[in-house]
Amino acid sequence: MINVLVHGALGRMGSIVINRVEQAEDMDVAAGVDVYSRGGAVYASLDEVTEKADVVIDFSHHTLTPALLEWCTAKNVPIVLCTTGHDGAEKAAIDQAAKNIPVFYSANMSMGIALLADLAKRAAALFPDADVEIVEAHHNRKLDAPSGTALMLARAVQEVRPGATLNLGRSGMGKREKNEIGVQAVRMGNLPGTHVVCVSTDNQTIELKHEAHDRSLFADGALTAARFIVGRSAGLYDMKDIVAGN
């Protein structure tokens, strides 16, 4: 049985993760932690946790990442980081922690998005002269634009086009540069997330699309990542490692 500590337990995604863990036959909720806790079943601080955890699933806020990684490193507990928007210092903290514990870090926890990134990479390689444009749409409360997922897709394309530059939010005068990847962000309503990768030549266009119907898919991906990372050696893992193993 895998004992899961849910960090960010009172948030929308944290609540879904707890529900999914409780439904899983091979998992139990070890504890929930949320800085907004006012007592009850959820702790307000990691320092209050006494239960044994086999893995942490984090759906909190990127500014809490360094302190969370310090706790996981001290306790030797693997972590699945599901937050986005990390700055340079926070990313450095992730890299440092991965030298001591298993860290699973992905801009998007959807297995479908992982597949989309793989397909986008293949399409860009197969059509090296094609234009690549990425359009993503999210709910009107999302803070980062473009999303971490859109950037993840763009970087997947850059793996086969290492010289390509990113054009984030096209505007103004001037034609499209040949060796660029366009990334456009749309924010409206209550959309869980839609990502479209267009690979277009002068005579054909390939459109690869992933549409999230419900946010629970991200929780399911987080549980898949937790199962994957428990028992692994120290290192930095992501969805590509899971896709490669299937």
C-alpha atoms as a PDB file:
ATOM      1  CA  MET A   1       0.000   0.000   0.000  1.00  0.00           C
ATOM      2  CA  ILE A   2       1.348   3.439  -0.983  1.00  0.00           C
ATOM      3  CA  ASN A   3       0.822   6.126   1.666  1.00  0.00           C
ATOM      4  CA  VAL A   4       0.333   9.502  -0.023  1.00  0.00           C
ATOM      5  CA  LEU A   5       0.799  12.921   1.550  1.00  0.00           C
ATOM      6  CA  VAL A   6      -1.224  15.497  -0.392  1.00  0.00           C
ATOM      7  CA  HIS A   7       0.289  18.989  -0.273  1.00  0.00           C
ATOM      8  CA  GLY A   8      -2.205  21.681  -1.212  1.00  0.00           C
ATOM      9  CA  ALA A   9      -4.985  19.427   0.085  1.00  0.00           C
ATOM     10  CA  LEU A  10      -7.693  22.099   0.315  1.00  0.00           C
ATOM     11  CA  GLY A  11      -7.287  23.387  -3.234  1.00  0.00           C
ATOM     12  CA  ARG A  12      -9.447  22.297  -6.145  1.00  0.00           C
ATOM     13  CA  MET A  13      -6.903  19.790  -7.434  1.00  0.00           C
ATOM     14  CA  GLY A  14      -5.765  18.680  -3.990  1.00  0.00           C
ATOM     15  CA  SER A  15      -9.321  17.757  -3.074  1.00  0.00           C
ATOM     16  CA  ILE A  16      -9.667  15.707  -6.249  1.00  0.00           C
ATOM     17  CA  VAL A  17      -6.360  13.932  -5.555  1.00  0.00           C
ATOM     18  CA  ILE A  18      -7.535  12.955  -2.078  1.00  0.00           C
ATOM     19  CA  ASN A  19     -10.749  11.569  -3.534  1.00  0.00           C
ATOM     20  CA  ARG A  20      -8.858   9.582  -6.164  1.00  0.00           C
ATOM     21  CA  VAL A  21      -6.390   8.190  -3.620  1.00  0.00           C
ATOM     22  CA  GLU A  22      -9.246   7.124  -1.354  1.00  0.00           C
ATOM     23  CA  GLN A  23     -10.800   5.251  -4.302  1.00  0.00           C
ATOM     24  CA  ALA A  24      -7.536   3.520  -5.273  1.00  0.00           C
ATOM     25  CA  GLU A  25      -7.054  -0.037  -4.040  1.00  0.00           C
ATOM     26  CA  ASP A  26      -3.270   0.341  -3.745  1.00  0.00           C
ATOM     27  CA  MET A  27      -3.131   3.756  -2.048  1.00  0.00           C
ATOM     28  CA  ASP A  28      -4.061   5.448   1.216  1.00  0.00           C
ATOM     29  CA  VAL A  29      -4.051   9.115   2.250  1.00  0.00           C
ATOM     30  CA  ALA A  30      -1.275   9.476   4.841  1.00  0.00           C
ATOM     31  CA  ALA A  31      -2.056  13.136   5.515  1.00  0.00           C
ATOM     32  CA  GLY A  32      -3.148  16.382   3.932  1.00  0.00           C
ATOM     33  CA  VAL A  33      -1.283  19.683   4.274  1.00  0.00           C
ATOM     34  CA  ASP A  34      -2.463  23.141   3.250  1.00  0.00           C
ATOM     35  CA  VAL A  35      -1.294  26.579   4.398  1.00  0.00           C
ATOM     36  CA  TYR A  36      -4.934  27.679   4.452  1.00  0.00           C
ATOM     37  CA  SER A  37      -5.949  24.994   6.950  1.00  0.00           C
ATOM     38  CA  ARG A  38      -7.740  26.158  10.085  1.00  0.00           C
ATOM     39  CA  GLY A  39      -7.536  22.848  11.902  1.00  0.00           C
ATOM     40  CA  GLY A  40      -9.377  19.597  11.410  1.00  0.00           C
ATOM     41  CA  ALA A  41      -8.140  16.726   9.269  1.00  0.00           C
ATOM     42  CA  VAL A  42      -5.677  18.837   7.255  1.00  0.00           C
ATOM     43  CA  TYR A  43      -2.431  20.154   8.739  1.00  0.00           C
ATOM     44  CA  ALA A  44      -1.423  23.785   8.206  1.00  0.00           C
ATOM     45  CA  SER A  45       2.298  22.948   8.155  1.00  0.00           C
ATOM     46  CA  LEU A  46       4.575  20.100   7.177  1.00  0.00           C
ATOM     47  CA  ASP A  47       6.125  20.368  10.639  1.00  0.00           C
ATOM     48  CA  GLU A  48       2.878  19.030  12.105  1.00  0.00           C
ATOM     49  CA  VAL A  49       2.918  15.817  10.065  1.00  0.00           C
ATOM     50  CA  THR A  50       3.692  12.686  12.075  1.00  0.00           C
ATOM     51  CA  GLU A  51       2.281  10.082   9.685  1.00  0.00           C
ATOM     52  CA  LYS A  52       4.590   8.038   7.472  1.00  0.00           C
ATOM     53  CA  ALA A  53       4.430   8.984   3.807  1.00  0.00           C
ATOM     54  CA  ASP A  54       5.796   6.971   0.896  1.00  0.00           C
ATOM     55  CA  VAL A  55       5.318   9.821  -1.593  1.00  0.00           C
ATOM     56  CA  VAL A  56       4.157  13.432  -1.711  1.00  0.00           C
ATOM     57  CA  ILE A  57       1.803  14.762  -4.394  1.00  0.00           C
ATOM     58  CA  ASP A  58       1.963  18.557  -4.589  1.00  0.00           C
ATOM     59  CA  PHE A  59      -0.799  20.708  -6.083  1.00  0.00           C
ATOM     60  CA  SER A  60      -0.114  23.869  -4.076  1.00  0.00           C
ATOM     61  CA  HIS A  61       1.832  26.928  -5.325  1.00  0.00           C
ATOM     62  CA  HIS A  62       5.273  27.169  -6.872  1.00  0.00           C
ATOM     63  CA  THR A  63       6.549  29.559  -4.174  1.00  0.00           C
ATOM     64  CA  LEU A  64       6.161  26.753  -1.615  1.00  0.00           C
ATOM     65  CA  THR A  65       8.351  24.370  -3.613  1.00  0.00           C
ATOM     66  CA  PRO A  66      11.780  25.039  -2.001  1.00  0.00           C
ATOM     67  CA  ALA A  67      10.518  24.465   1.552  1.00  0.00           C
ATOM     68  CA  LEU A  68       8.577  21.384   0.460  1.00  0.00           C
ATOM     69  CA  LEU A  69      11.660  19.940  -1.239  1.00  0.00           C
ATOM     70  CA  GLU A  70      13.726  20.543   1.897  1.00  0.00           C
ATOM     71  CA  TRP A  71      11.187  18.575   3.943  1.00  0.00           C
ATOM     72  CA  CYS A  72      11.077  15.712   1.423  1.00  0.00           C
ATOM     73  CA  THR A  73      14.861  15.572   1.262  1.00  0.00           C
ATOM     74  CA  ALA A  74      15.160  15.503   5.058  1.00  0.00           C
ATOM     75  CA  LYS A  75      12.537  12.732   5.270  1.00  0.00           C
ATOM     76  CA  ASN A  76      13.854  10.918   2.157  1.00  0.00           C
ATOM     77  CA  VAL A  77      10.384  10.955   0.584  1.00  0.00           C
ATOM     78  CA  PRO A  78       9.852  10.996  -3.208  1.00  0.00           C
ATOM     79  CA  ILE A  79       7.747  13.846  -4.569  1.00  0.00           C
ATOM     80  CA  VAL A  80       5.448  14.445  -7.525  1.00  0.00           C
ATOM     81  CA  LEU A  81       5.461  18.185  -8.302  1.00  0.00           C
ATOM     82  CA  CYS A  82       2.319  19.248 -10.155  1.00  0.00           C
ATOM     83  CA  THR A  83       2.695  23.031  -9.785  1.00  0.00           C
ATOM     84  CA  THR A  84       3.843  25.319 -12.606  1.00  0.00           C
ATOM     85  CA  GLY A  85       5.297  28.805 -12.939  1.00  0.00           C
ATOM     86  CA  HIS A  86       8.598  28.132 -11.126  1.00  0.00           C
ATOM     87  CA  ASP A  87      11.247  30.829 -11.359  1.00  0.00           C
ATOM     88  CA  GLY A  88      14.961  30.216 -11.784  1.00  0.00           C
ATOM     89  CA  ALA A  89      15.701  29.793  -8.083  1.00  0.00           C
ATOM     90  CA  GLU A  90      12.812  27.371  -7.632  1.00  0.00           C
ATOM     91  CA  LYS A  91      13.934  25.312 -10.616  1.00  0.00           C
ATOM     92  CA  ALA A  92      17.438  25.214  -9.148  1.00  0.00           C
ATOM     93  CA  ALA A  93      15.944  23.884  -5.916  1.00  0.00           C
ATOM     94  CA  ILE A  94      14.209  21.144  -7.901  1.00  0.00           C
ATOM     95  CA  ASP A  95      17.460  20.155  -9.600  1.00  0.00           C
ATOM     96  CA  GLN A  96      19.288  20.116  -6.266  1.00  0.00           C
ATOM     97  CA  ALA A  97      16.650  17.961  -4.558  1.00  0.00           C
ATOM     98  CA  ALA A  98      16.735  15.480  -7.450  1.00  0.00           C
ATOM     99  CA  LYS A  99      20.349  14.714  -6.537  1.00  0.00           C
ATOM    100  CA  ASN A 100      19.112  13.211  -3.263  1.00  0.00           C
ATOM    101  CA  ILE A 101      15.542  11.970  -3.793  1.00  0.00           C
ATOM    102  CA  PRO A 102      13.320  10.927  -6.699  1.00  0.00           C
ATOM    103  CA  VAL A 103      11.544  14.030  -8.050  1.00  0.00           C
ATOM    104  CA  PHE A 104       8.792  13.752 -10.649  1.00  0.00           C
ATOM    105  CA  TYR A 105       8.268  17.143 -12.289  1.00  0.00           C
ATOM    106  CA  SER A 106       5.973  17.828 -15.213  1.00  0.00           C
ATOM    107  CA  ALA A 107       4.249  20.963 -16.476  1.00  0.00           C
ATOM    108  CA  ASN A 108       1.183  18.828 -17.121  1.00  0.00           C
ATOM    109  CA  MET A 109       0.187  15.594 -15.413  1.00  0.00           C
ATOM    110  CA  SER A 110      -2.001  14.317 -18.260  1.00  0.00           C
ATOM    111  CA  MET A 111      -0.863  11.143 -20.014  1.00  0.00           C
ATOM    112  CA  GLY A 112      -2.685  12.472 -23.083  1.00  0.00           C
ATOM    113  CA  ILE A 113      -0.513  15.608 -23.079  1.00  0.00           C
ATOM    114  CA  ALA A 114       2.585  13.437 -22.764  1.00  0.00           C
ATOM    115  CA  LEU A 115       1.454  11.569 -25.864  1.00  0.00           C
ATOM    116  CA  LEU A 116       0.685  14.864 -27.642  1.00  0.00           C
ATOM    117  CA  ALA A 117       4.224  16.102 -26.945  1.00  0.00           C
ATOM    118  CA  ASP A 118       5.655  12.893 -28.379  1.00  0.00           C
ATOM    119  CA  LEU A 119       3.485  13.143 -31.516  1.00  0.00           C
ATOM    120  CA  ALA A 120       4.325  16.835 -31.974  1.00  0.00           C
ATOM    121  CA  LYS A 121       8.017  16.023 -31.800  1.00  0.00           C
ATOM    122  CA  ARG A 122       7.647  13.273 -34.403  1.00  0.00           C
ATOM    123  CA  ALA A 123       5.602  15.470 -36.750  1.00  0.00           C
ATOM    124  CA  ALA A 124       8.091  18.348 -36.521  1.00  0.00           C
ATOM    125  CA  ALA A 125      10.938  15.960 -37.317  1.00  0.00           C
ATOM    126  CA  LEU A 126       9.093  14.385 -40.252  1.00  0.00           C
ATOM    127  CA  PHE A 127       8.331  17.821 -41.753  1.00  0.00           C
ATOM    128  CA  PRO A 128      11.495  19.833 -40.973  1.00  0.00           C
ATOM    129  CA  ASP A 129      10.440  22.832 -43.111  1.00  0.00           C
ATOM    130  CA  ALA A 130       6.888  23.081 -41.771  1.00  0.00           C
ATOM    131  CA  ASP A 131       5.640  25.966 -39.648  1.00  0.00           C
ATOM    132  CA  VAL A 132       4.776  24.949 -36.088  1.00  0.00           C
ATOM    133  CA  GLU A 133       2.181  26.899 -34.107  1.00  0.00           C
ATOM    134  CA  ILE A 134       0.833  26.026 -30.651  1.00  0.00           C
ATOM    135  CA  VAL A 135      -2.467  27.431 -29.397  1.00  0.00           C
ATOM    136  CA  GLU A 136      -3.606  26.825 -25.819  1.00  0.00           C
ATOM    137  CA  ALA A 137      -6.798  27.837 -24.008  1.00  0.00           C
ATOM    138  CA  HIS A 138      -7.461  27.806 -20.255  1.00  0.00           C
ATOM    139  CA  HIS A 139      -9.915  29.190 -17.721  1.00  0.00           C
ATOM    140  CA  ASN A 140      -9.909  32.914 -16.927  1.00  0.00           C
ATOM    141  CA  ARG A 141      -8.281  32.430 -13.511  1.00  0.00           C
ATOM    142  CA  LYS A 142      -5.023  30.947 -14.798  1.00  0.00           C
ATOM    143  CA  LEU A 143      -2.071  33.185 -13.981  1.00  0.00           C
ATOM    144  CA  ASP A 144       0.751  32.096 -16.299  1.00  0.00           C
ATOM    145  CA  ALA A 145       0.583  32.704 -20.042  1.00  0.00           C
ATOM    146  CA  PRO A 146       1.644  30.841 -22.012  1.00  0.00           C
ATOM    147  CA  SER A 147       1.007  27.841 -19.827  1.00  0.00           C
ATOM    148  CA  GLY A 148       3.729  25.508 -18.687  1.00  0.00           C
ATOM    149  CA  THR A 149       2.094  22.848 -20.844  1.00  0.00           C
ATOM    150  CA  ALA A 150       2.337  24.966 -23.986  1.00  0.00           C
ATOM    151  CA  LEU A 151       6.003  25.602 -23.265  1.00  0.00           C
ATOM    152  CA  MET A 152       6.519  21.885 -22.654  1.00  0.00           C
ATOM    153  CA  LEU A 153       5.073  21.169 -26.102  1.00  0.00           C
ATOM    154  CA  ALA A 154       7.267  23.851 -27.670  1.00  0.00           C
ATOM    155  CA  ARG A 155      10.375  22.420 -26.026  1.00  0.00           C
ATOM    156  CA  ALA A 156       9.462  18.963 -27.292  1.00  0.00           C
ATOM    157  CA  VAL A 157       9.559  20.408 -30.812  1.00  0.00           C
ATOM    158  CA  GLN A 158      12.854  22.146 -30.031  1.00  0.00           C
ATOM    159  CA  GLU A 159      14.376  18.747 -29.260  1.00  0.00           C
ATOM    160  CA  VAL A 160      14.258  18.032 -33.006  1.00  0.00           C
ATOM    161  CA  ARG A 161      14.705  21.703 -33.984  1.00  0.00           C
ATOM    162  CA  PRO A 162      17.398  22.895 -31.565  1.00  0.00           C
ATOM    163  CA  GLY A 163      17.852  26.213 -33.360  1.00  0.00           C
ATOM    164  CA  ALA A 164      14.176  27.171 -33.259  1.00  0.00           C
ATOM    165  CA  THR A 165      13.133  30.258 -31.300  1.00  0.00           C
ATOM    166  CA  LEU A 166       9.831  30.817 -29.485  1.00  0.00           C
ATOM    167  CA  ASN A 167       7.431  33.598 -30.453  1.00  0.00           C
ATOM    168  CA  LEU A 168       5.202  33.999 -27.407  1.00  0.00           C
ATOM    169  CA  GLY A 169       2.015  35.864 -28.320  1.00  0.00           C
ATOM    170  CA  ARG A 170       2.440  37.075 -31.887  1.00  0.00           C
ATOM    171  CA  SER A 171       1.660  40.761 -32.398  1.00  0.00           C
ATOM    172  CA  GLY A 172       2.749  43.794 -34.388  1.00  0.00           C
ATOM    173  CA  MET A 173       4.058  44.050 -37.927  1.00  0.00           C
ATOM    174  CA  GLY A 174       6.370  41.589 -39.622  1.00  0.00           C
ATOM    175  CA  LYS A 175       6.155  38.238 -41.347  1.00  0.00           C
ATOM    176  CA  ARG A 176       6.612  34.942 -39.585  1.00  0.00           C
ATOM    177  CA  GLU A 177      10.234  33.890 -39.278  1.00  0.00           C
ATOM    178  CA  LYS A 178      11.060  30.518 -40.781  1.00  0.00           C
ATOM    179  CA  ASN A 179      12.797  29.022 -37.763  1.00  0.00           C
ATOM    180  CA  GLU A 180      10.343  29.894 -35.011  1.00  0.00           C
ATOM    181  CA  ILE A 181       7.633  28.198 -32.975  1.00  0.00           C
ATOM    182  CA  GLY A 182       4.579  30.342 -32.326  1.00  0.00           C
ATOM    183  CA  VAL A 183       2.814  29.982 -28.968  1.00  0.00           C
ATOM    184  CA  GLN A 184      -0.541  31.676 -28.409  1.00  0.00           C
ATOM    185  CA  ALA A 185      -2.529  31.782 -25.152  1.00  0.00           C
ATOM    186  CA  VAL A 186      -6.308  32.183 -24.775  1.00  0.00           C
ATOM    187  CA  ARG A 187      -8.016  32.729 -21.398  1.00  0.00           C
ATOM    188  CA  MET A 188     -11.788  32.467 -21.038  1.00  0.00           C
ATOM    189  CA  GLY A 189     -14.572  30.918 -18.996  1.00  0.00           C
ATOM    190  CA  ASN A 190     -13.972  27.724 -17.072  1.00  0.00           C
ATOM    191  CA  LEU A 191     -11.965  25.716 -19.608  1.00  0.00           C
ATOM    192  CA  PRO A 192      -9.888  22.934 -17.995  1.00  0.00           C
ATOM    193  CA  GLY A 193      -7.384  23.171 -20.847  1.00  0.00           C
ATOM    194  CA  THR A 194      -7.099  22.750 -24.620  1.00  0.00           C
ATOM    195  CA  HIS A 195      -3.815  22.464 -26.526  1.00  0.00           C
ATOM    196  CA  VAL A 196      -3.456  22.369 -30.307  1.00  0.00           C
ATOM    197  CA  VAL A 197      -0.204  21.845 -32.205  1.00  0.00           C
ATOM    198  CA  CYS A 198      -0.348  22.785 -35.912  1.00  0.00           C
ATOM    199  CA  VAL A 199       2.385  21.574 -38.247  1.00  0.00           C
ATOM    200  CA  SER A 200       1.829  23.251 -41.615  1.00  0.00           C
ATOM    201  CA  THR A 201       3.556  23.167 -44.993  1.00  0.00           C
ATOM    202  CA  ASP A 202       2.474  25.039 -48.122  1.00  0.00           C
ATOM    203  CA  ASN A 203       0.179  22.192 -49.147  1.00  0.00           C
ATOM    204  CA  GLN A 204      -0.982  20.450 -45.971  1.00  0.00           C
ATOM    205  CA  THR A 205      -1.583  20.946 -42.272  1.00  0.00           C
ATOM    206  CA  ILE A 206      -1.433  18.402 -39.478  1.00  0.00           C
ATOM    207  CA  GLU A 207      -3.422  19.406 -36.395  1.00  0.00           C
ATOM    208  CA  LEU A 208      -2.785  17.561 -33.126  1.00  0.00           C
ATOM    209  CA  LYS A 209      -5.201  18.372 -30.328  1.00  0.00           C
ATOM    210  CA  HIS A 210      -5.718  17.470 -26.695  1.00  0.00           C
ATOM    211  CA  GLU A 211      -8.796  18.663 -24.837  1.00  0.00           C
ATOM    212  CA  ALA A 212      -9.274  18.158 -21.112  1.00  0.00           C
ATOM    213  CA  HIS A 213     -12.909  17.451 -20.262  1.00  0.00           C
ATOM    214  CA  ASP A 214     -12.431  17.350 -16.497  1.00  0.00           C
ATOM    215  CA  ARG A 215      -9.602  18.326 -14.121  1.00  0.00           C
ATOM    216  CA  SER A 216      -9.674  14.866 -12.578  1.00  0.00           C
ATOM    217  CA  LEU A 217      -7.445  13.666 -15.425  1.00  0.00           C
ATOM    218  CA  PHE A 218      -4.569  15.618 -13.849  1.00  0.00           C
ATOM    219  CA  ALA A 219      -5.159  13.867 -10.537  1.00  0.00           C
ATOM    220  CA  ASP A 220      -5.170  10.491 -12.292  1.00  0.00           C
ATOM    221  CA  GLY A 221      -1.866  11.387 -13.938  1.00  0.00           C
ATOM    222  CA  ALA A 222      -0.418  12.408 -10.580  1.00  0.00           C
ATOM    223  CA  LEU A 223      -1.355   9.025  -9.097  1.00  0.00           C
ATOM    224  CA  THR A 224       0.242   7.279 -12.067  1.00  0.00           C
ATOM    225  CA  ALA A 225       3.401   9.323 -11.487  1.00  0.00           C
ATOM    226  CA  ALA A 226       3.364   8.499  -7.769  1.00  0.00           C
ATOM    227  CA  ARG A 227       3.179   4.781  -8.496  1.00  0.00           C
ATOM    228  CA  PHE A 228       6.002   5.166 -11.015  1.00  0.00           C
ATOM    229  CA  ILE A 229       8.378   7.083  -8.749  1.00  0.00           C
ATOM    230  CA  VAL A 230       8.065   5.101  -5.502  1.00  0.00           C
ATOM    231  CA  GLY A 231      11.118   2.878  -5.193  1.00  0.00           C
ATOM    232  CA  ARG A 232      13.143   4.726  -7.837  1.00  0.00           C
ATOM    233  CA  SER A 233      16.646   6.016  -7.297  1.00  0.00           C
ATOM    234  CA  ALA A 234      17.296   9.732  -6.856  1.00  0.00           C
ATOM    235  CA  GLY A 235      16.838  11.743 -10.033  1.00  0.00           C
ATOM    236  CA  LEU A 236      14.539  13.997 -12.020  1.00  0.00           C
ATOM    237  CA  TYR A 237      11.699  12.210 -13.819  1.00  0.00           C
ATOM    238  CA  ASP A 238       8.834  13.365 -16.018  1.00  0.00           C
ATOM    239  CA  MET A 239       6.010  12.058 -18.196  1.00  0.00           C
ATOM    240  CA  LYS A 240       8.446  11.112 -20.962  1.00  0.00           C
ATOM    241  CA  ASP A 241       9.865   8.430 -18.660  1.00  0.00           C
ATOM    242  CA  ILE A 242       6.413   6.893 -18.246  1.00  0.00           C
ATOM    243  CA  VAL A 243       5.639   7.096 -21.978  1.00  0.00           C
ATOM    244  CA  ALA A 244       9.012   5.499 -22.798  1.00  0.00           C
ATOM    245  CA  GLY A 245       8.162   2.573 -20.561  1.00  0.00           C
ATOM    246  CA  ASN A 246       4.892   1.816 -22.357  1.00  0.00           C
END
